[in-house]
Amino acid sequence: MKVARPLFFDVPNTVEKFSEQVAFILDSYKDVINGRISLGDTKPGSANIDGRPISVADTGTADIEFAVSHNLGRVPIYYLWNISKAGYVYDSQRNLWTSSTLRLKCSAANAALRLFVFG
């Protein structure tokens, strides 16, 4: 569920009307939060967090940088990861991340990853 954004607001002419508009906006946010925050799936608009799910089939050699295409349209700030074996994923050359590619390393060789890139 997403919060509906009104195209325009009427300028409230009373404190009561202003209070009603603020209450409406806060109720919309409450409905989203109570409805759980969603990372969505592969369909655009299915989430209320703007990010991209990505699969990496093979990370290659342990602790060697690999590039991940994300097509987020901006430089990501965060990522969540799930790995197919014991190990961890970490940043590599964050200063070289772009609006379409990030660089990571993995402590385990030849692991499969599921990432969610956002921010």
N, C-alpha and C. Protein backbone atom coordinates (compact mmCIF):
# COMPACT_ATOMS: atom_id res chain seq x y z
N MET A 1 0.84 -1.18 0.00
CA MET A 1 0.00 0.00 0.00
C MET A 1 0.88 1.23 0.00
N LYS A 2 0.50 2.20 -0.82
CA LYS A 2 1.24 3.45 -0.86
C LYS A 2 0.36 4.57 -0.35
N VAL A 3 0.99 5.62 0.13
CA VAL A 3 0.26 6.80 0.56
C VAL A 3 -0.14 7.58 -0.67
N ALA A 4 -1.42 7.87 -0.80
CA ALA A 4 -1.90 8.67 -1.93
C ALA A 4 -1.46 10.11 -1.74
N ARG A 5 -0.91 10.66 -2.79
CA ARG A 5 -0.49 12.06 -2.73
C ARG A 5 -1.53 12.91 -3.42
N PRO A 6 -2.14 13.82 -2.71
CA PRO A 6 -3.11 14.69 -3.35
C PRO A 6 -2.42 15.58 -4.38
N LEU A 7 -3.12 15.84 -5.48
CA LEU A 7 -2.55 16.70 -6.51
C LEU A 7 -2.46 18.14 -6.06
N PHE A 8 -3.35 18.54 -5.16
CA PHE A 8 -3.33 19.90 -4.64
C PHE A 8 -4.03 19.92 -3.30
N PHE A 9 -3.76 20.93 -2.54
CA PHE A 9 -4.42 21.14 -1.27
C PHE A 9 -5.21 22.43 -1.34
N ASP A 10 -6.38 22.41 -0.75
CA ASP A 10 -7.12 23.66 -0.56
C ASP A 10 -6.44 24.40 0.57
N VAL A 11 -6.33 25.69 0.42
CA VAL A 11 -5.79 26.49 1.51
C VAL A 11 -6.85 26.54 2.60
N PRO A 12 -6.55 25.99 3.77
CA PRO A 12 -7.57 25.95 4.82
C PRO A 12 -7.87 27.36 5.32
N ASN A 13 -9.15 27.62 5.50
CA ASN A 13 -9.54 28.95 5.98
C ASN A 13 -9.84 28.94 7.48
N THR A 14 -9.73 27.78 8.10
CA THR A 14 -9.93 27.71 9.54
C THR A 14 -8.92 26.74 10.14
N VAL A 15 -8.69 26.88 11.41
CA VAL A 15 -7.80 25.97 12.11
C VAL A 15 -8.38 24.56 12.07
N GLU A 16 -9.68 24.45 12.17
CA GLU A 16 -10.31 23.13 12.14
C GLU A 16 -10.07 22.43 10.81
N LYS A 17 -10.20 23.17 9.70
CA LYS A 17 -9.99 22.60 8.38
C LYS A 17 -8.53 22.16 8.21
N PHE A 18 -7.62 22.99 8.70
CA PHE A 18 -6.21 22.65 8.66
C PHE A 18 -5.95 21.37 9.46
N SER A 19 -6.53 21.27 10.63
CA SER A 19 -6.38 20.08 11.48
C SER A 19 -6.91 18.84 10.78
N GLU A 20 -8.03 18.98 10.08
CA GLU A 20 -8.59 17.85 9.35
C GLU A 20 -7.63 17.37 8.25
N GLN A 21 -7.01 18.31 7.54
CA GLN A 21 -6.09 17.94 6.47
C GLN A 21 -4.85 17.24 7.04
N VAL A 22 -4.32 17.76 8.11
CA VAL A 22 -3.15 17.14 8.74
C VAL A 22 -3.51 15.75 9.25
N ALA A 23 -4.67 15.60 9.86
CA ALA A 23 -5.11 14.30 10.36
C ALA A 23 -5.25 13.30 9.21
N PHE A 24 -5.77 13.75 8.08
CA PHE A 24 -5.92 12.88 6.92
C PHE A 24 -4.56 12.38 6.44
N ILE A 25 -3.59 13.28 6.35
CA ILE A 25 -2.25 12.90 5.90
C ILE A 25 -1.62 11.92 6.88
N LEU A 26 -1.71 12.21 8.17
CA LEU A 26 -1.12 11.31 9.17
C LEU A 26 -1.81 9.96 9.17
N ASP A 27 -3.13 9.93 8.97
CA ASP A 27 -3.85 8.65 8.89
C ASP A 27 -3.37 7.83 7.69
N SER A 28 -3.07 8.50 6.58
CA SER A 28 -2.57 7.80 5.40
C SER A 28 -1.24 7.13 5.70
N TYR A 29 -0.34 7.84 6.38
CA TYR A 29 0.95 7.25 6.75
C TYR A 29 0.76 6.11 7.75
N LYS A 30 -0.14 6.29 8.69
CA LYS A 30 -0.41 5.24 9.67
C LYS A 30 -0.90 3.98 8.97
N ASP A 31 -1.78 4.14 7.97
CA ASP A 31 -2.29 2.98 7.25
C ASP A 31 -1.17 2.22 6.54
N VAL A 32 -0.21 2.93 5.99
CA VAL A 32 0.92 2.28 5.32
C VAL A 32 1.77 1.53 6.33
N ILE A 33 2.10 2.18 7.43
CA ILE A 33 2.96 1.55 8.42
C ILE A 33 2.27 0.37 9.07
N ASN A 34 1.00 0.51 9.40
CA ASN A 34 0.26 -0.61 9.99
C ASN A 34 0.05 -1.74 8.98
N GLY A 35 0.08 -1.39 7.70
CA GLY A 35 -0.07 -2.39 6.66
C GLY A 35 1.24 -3.07 6.33
N ARG A 36 2.26 -2.78 7.08
CA ARG A 36 3.60 -3.32 6.94
C ARG A 36 4.35 -2.64 5.81
N ILE A 37 5.62 -2.47 6.03
CA ILE A 37 6.48 -1.89 5.00
C ILE A 37 6.84 -3.02 4.04
N SER A 38 6.74 -2.75 2.76
CA SER A 38 6.95 -3.79 1.76
C SER A 38 8.15 -3.46 0.88
N LEU A 39 9.02 -4.45 0.67
CA LEU A 39 10.10 -4.31 -0.29
C LEU A 39 9.62 -4.67 -1.68
N GLY A 40 8.41 -5.20 -1.80
CA GLY A 40 7.82 -5.50 -3.10
C GLY A 40 8.41 -6.73 -3.75
N ASP A 41 8.13 -6.84 -5.05
CA ASP A 41 8.70 -7.93 -5.85
C ASP A 41 9.29 -7.31 -7.11
N THR A 42 9.32 -8.02 -8.19
CA THR A 42 9.96 -7.50 -9.39
C THR A 42 9.07 -6.55 -10.19
N LYS A 43 7.79 -6.41 -9.81
CA LYS A 43 6.88 -5.52 -10.53
C LYS A 43 7.02 -4.08 -10.03
N PRO A 44 7.18 -3.11 -10.96
CA PRO A 44 7.25 -1.70 -10.53
C PRO A 44 6.00 -1.30 -9.75
N GLY A 45 6.19 -0.53 -8.69
CA GLY A 45 5.07 -0.04 -7.90
C GLY A 45 4.53 -1.02 -6.88
N SER A 46 5.17 -2.19 -6.71
CA SER A 46 4.66 -3.19 -5.78
C SER A 46 5.18 -2.98 -4.35
N ALA A 47 6.01 -1.98 -4.16
CA ALA A 47 6.62 -1.76 -2.85
C ALA A 47 6.37 -0.35 -2.37
N ASN A 48 6.51 -0.15 -1.06
CA ASN A 48 6.49 1.22 -0.55
C ASN A 48 7.89 1.64 -0.10
N ILE A 49 8.90 0.85 -0.46
CA ILE A 49 10.30 1.25 -0.37
C ILE A 49 10.83 1.15 -1.79
N ASP A 50 11.42 2.23 -2.28
CA ASP A 50 11.89 2.26 -3.66
C ASP A 50 13.26 1.61 -3.76
N GLY A 51 13.31 0.44 -4.34
CA GLY A 51 14.57 -0.28 -4.49
C GLY A 51 14.44 -1.35 -5.55
N ARG A 52 15.48 -2.14 -5.71
CA ARG A 52 15.49 -3.19 -6.73
C ARG A 52 15.97 -4.51 -6.14
N PRO A 53 15.21 -5.60 -6.40
CA PRO A 53 15.72 -6.93 -6.05
C PRO A 53 16.67 -7.41 -7.15
N ILE A 54 17.76 -8.02 -6.76
CA ILE A 54 18.78 -8.44 -7.73
C ILE A 54 19.29 -9.82 -7.32
N SER A 55 19.51 -10.66 -8.31
CA SER A 55 20.15 -11.96 -8.08
C SER A 55 21.56 -11.93 -8.64
N VAL A 56 22.48 -12.49 -7.87
CA VAL A 56 23.86 -12.69 -8.34
C VAL A 56 24.08 -14.19 -8.30
N ALA A 57 24.30 -14.80 -9.46
CA ALA A 57 24.40 -16.26 -9.53
C ALA A 57 25.70 -16.79 -8.93
N ASP A 58 26.79 -16.04 -9.08
CA ASP A 58 28.09 -16.53 -8.62
C ASP A 58 28.97 -15.33 -8.29
N THR A 59 29.44 -15.25 -7.07
CA THR A 59 30.28 -14.13 -6.65
C THR A 59 31.74 -14.29 -7.06
N GLY A 60 32.11 -15.46 -7.56
CA GLY A 60 33.49 -15.68 -7.99
C GLY A 60 34.41 -16.00 -6.82
N THR A 61 35.66 -15.60 -6.97
CA THR A 61 36.69 -15.86 -5.96
C THR A 61 36.40 -15.08 -4.69
N ALA A 62 36.64 -15.69 -3.55
CA ALA A 62 36.40 -15.03 -2.26
C ALA A 62 37.23 -13.76 -2.14
N ASP A 63 36.60 -12.73 -1.59
CA ASP A 63 37.23 -11.45 -1.30
C ASP A 63 37.81 -10.72 -2.52
N ILE A 64 37.27 -11.02 -3.68
CA ILE A 64 37.64 -10.31 -4.91
C ILE A 64 36.40 -9.53 -5.38
N GLU A 65 36.61 -8.28 -5.76
CA GLU A 65 35.51 -7.41 -6.16
C GLU A 65 34.74 -7.96 -7.36
N PHE A 66 33.42 -7.79 -7.32
CA PHE A 66 32.57 -8.08 -8.47
C PHE A 66 31.57 -6.93 -8.61
N ALA A 67 31.16 -6.65 -9.84
CA ALA A 67 30.23 -5.57 -10.12
C ALA A 67 28.81 -6.11 -10.18
N VAL A 68 27.87 -5.32 -9.70
CA VAL A 68 26.46 -5.69 -9.73
C VAL A 68 25.69 -4.57 -10.41
N SER A 69 25.00 -4.89 -11.49
CA SER A 69 24.13 -3.91 -12.15
C SER A 69 22.83 -3.83 -11.38
N HIS A 70 22.40 -2.60 -11.06
CA HIS A 70 21.17 -2.46 -10.28
C HIS A 70 20.12 -1.59 -10.97
N ASN A 71 20.50 -0.69 -11.85
CA ASN A 71 19.56 0.16 -12.60
C ASN A 71 18.57 0.89 -11.69
N LEU A 72 19.03 1.31 -10.56
CA LEU A 72 18.19 2.05 -9.61
C LEU A 72 17.93 3.47 -10.09
N GLY A 73 18.82 3.98 -10.92
CA GLY A 73 18.67 5.33 -11.42
C GLY A 73 19.32 6.37 -10.52
N ARG A 74 19.94 5.94 -9.46
CA ARG A 74 20.68 6.80 -8.55
C ARG A 74 21.68 5.92 -7.80
N VAL A 75 22.65 6.54 -7.19
CA VAL A 75 23.64 5.78 -6.43
C VAL A 75 22.96 5.24 -5.18
N PRO A 76 22.98 3.94 -4.97
CA PRO A 76 22.33 3.37 -3.79
C PRO A 76 23.07 3.75 -2.50
N ILE A 77 22.33 3.75 -1.42
CA ILE A 77 22.91 4.02 -0.11
C ILE A 77 23.02 2.73 0.69
N TYR A 78 22.02 1.86 0.54
CA TYR A 78 21.95 0.63 1.34
C TYR A 78 21.69 -0.57 0.45
N TYR A 79 21.99 -1.74 1.00
CA TYR A 79 21.57 -2.99 0.38
C TYR A 79 21.38 -4.03 1.48
N LEU A 80 20.44 -4.91 1.25
CA LEU A 80 20.24 -6.08 2.11
C LEU A 80 20.71 -7.28 1.31
N TRP A 81 21.24 -8.27 1.97
CA TRP A 81 21.71 -9.43 1.24
C TRP A 81 21.34 -10.73 1.94
N ASN A 82 21.21 -11.75 1.11
CA ASN A 82 21.01 -13.12 1.56
C ASN A 82 22.00 -13.96 0.76
N ILE A 83 22.71 -14.84 1.44
CA ILE A 83 23.78 -15.60 0.79
C ILE A 83 23.49 -17.09 0.88
N SER A 84 23.92 -17.84 -0.12
CA SER A 84 23.61 -19.27 -0.21
C SER A 84 24.50 -20.16 0.65
N LYS A 85 25.53 -19.60 1.27
CA LYS A 85 26.43 -20.39 2.10
C LYS A 85 27.00 -19.50 3.20
N ALA A 86 27.77 -20.05 4.09
CA ALA A 86 28.36 -19.26 5.17
C ALA A 86 29.28 -18.19 4.58
N GLY A 87 29.11 -16.98 5.03
CA GLY A 87 29.93 -15.89 4.54
C GLY A 87 29.21 -14.57 4.72
N TYR A 88 29.81 -13.51 4.24
CA TYR A 88 29.20 -12.19 4.32
C TYR A 88 29.57 -11.37 3.09
N VAL A 89 28.75 -10.36 2.83
CA VAL A 89 28.93 -9.47 1.68
C VAL A 89 29.31 -8.10 2.23
N TYR A 90 30.24 -7.44 1.55
CA TYR A 90 30.66 -6.13 2.02
C TYR A 90 31.00 -5.20 0.84
N ASP A 91 31.02 -3.89 1.14
CA ASP A 91 31.29 -2.86 0.13
C ASP A 91 32.69 -2.98 -0.44
N SER A 92 32.80 -2.57 -1.70
CA SER A 92 34.11 -2.40 -2.32
C SER A 92 34.07 -1.11 -3.11
N GLN A 93 35.02 -0.25 -2.88
CA GLN A 93 35.16 1.02 -3.61
C GLN A 93 33.83 1.77 -3.73
N ARG A 94 33.21 2.03 -2.61
CA ARG A 94 31.91 2.71 -2.59
C ARG A 94 31.96 4.04 -3.35
N ASN A 95 33.10 4.69 -3.36
CA ASN A 95 33.23 5.96 -4.07
C ASN A 95 33.08 5.80 -5.58
N LEU A 96 33.16 4.58 -6.10
CA LEU A 96 33.00 4.33 -7.53
C LEU A 96 31.61 3.79 -7.90
N TRP A 97 30.72 3.68 -6.92
CA TRP A 97 29.36 3.24 -7.22
C TRP A 97 28.69 4.28 -8.10
N THR A 98 27.84 3.82 -9.01
CA THR A 98 27.14 4.72 -9.92
C THR A 98 25.63 4.50 -9.83
N SER A 99 24.89 5.22 -10.66
CA SER A 99 23.44 5.08 -10.68
C SER A 99 22.99 3.78 -11.34
N SER A 100 23.93 2.99 -11.86
CA SER A 100 23.57 1.71 -12.47
C SER A 100 24.39 0.52 -11.96
N THR A 101 25.52 0.77 -11.30
CA THR A 101 26.40 -0.33 -10.88
C THR A 101 26.97 -0.08 -9.50
N LEU A 102 27.06 -1.14 -8.70
CA LEU A 102 27.78 -1.06 -7.43
C LEU A 102 28.81 -2.17 -7.39
N ARG A 103 29.77 -2.04 -6.51
CA ARG A 103 30.87 -3.00 -6.40
C ARG A 103 30.85 -3.60 -5.00
N LEU A 104 30.91 -4.92 -4.97
CA LEU A 104 30.86 -5.63 -3.69
C LEU A 104 31.96 -6.68 -3.64
N LYS A 105 32.17 -7.23 -2.44
CA LYS A 105 33.02 -8.39 -2.24
C LYS A 105 32.25 -9.37 -1.38
N CYS A 106 32.64 -10.64 -1.47
CA CYS A 106 32.00 -11.68 -0.67
C CYS A 106 33.09 -12.56 -0.06
N SER A 107 32.95 -12.86 1.21
CA SER A 107 33.96 -13.67 1.89
C SER A 107 33.93 -15.14 1.48
N ALA A 108 32.85 -15.58 0.86
CA ALA A 108 32.72 -16.97 0.42
C ALA A 108 32.88 -17.05 -1.10
N ALA A 109 33.60 -18.03 -1.57
CA ALA A 109 33.78 -18.21 -3.01
C ALA A 109 32.52 -18.80 -3.63
N ASN A 110 32.21 -18.36 -4.82
CA ASN A 110 31.14 -18.92 -5.65
C ASN A 110 29.79 -19.01 -4.94
N ALA A 111 29.45 -17.99 -4.20
CA ALA A 111 28.15 -17.94 -3.52
C ALA A 111 27.10 -17.33 -4.44
N ALA A 112 25.87 -17.72 -4.22
CA ALA A 112 24.73 -17.07 -4.90
C ALA A 112 24.14 -16.05 -3.93
N LEU A 113 23.77 -14.89 -4.44
CA LEU A 113 23.23 -13.82 -3.60
C LEU A 113 21.87 -13.37 -4.07
N ARG A 114 21.06 -12.95 -3.12
CA ARG A 114 19.84 -12.18 -3.39
C ARG A 114 20.07 -10.85 -2.69
N LEU A 115 20.00 -9.77 -3.45
CA LEU A 115 20.21 -8.42 -2.91
C LEU A 115 18.94 -7.61 -3.05
N PHE A 116 18.75 -6.66 -2.16
CA PHE A 116 17.76 -5.60 -2.34
C PHE A 116 18.51 -4.30 -2.17
N VAL A 117 18.61 -3.54 -3.26
CA VAL A 117 19.38 -2.30 -3.30
C VAL A 117 18.41 -1.13 -3.24
N PHE A 118 18.69 -0.16 -2.34
CA PHE A 118 17.78 0.98 -2.18
C PHE A 118 18.51 2.16 -1.59
N GLY A 119 17.77 3.26 -1.43
CA GLY A 119 18.33 4.43 -0.77
C GLY A 119 18.51 5.61 -1.66
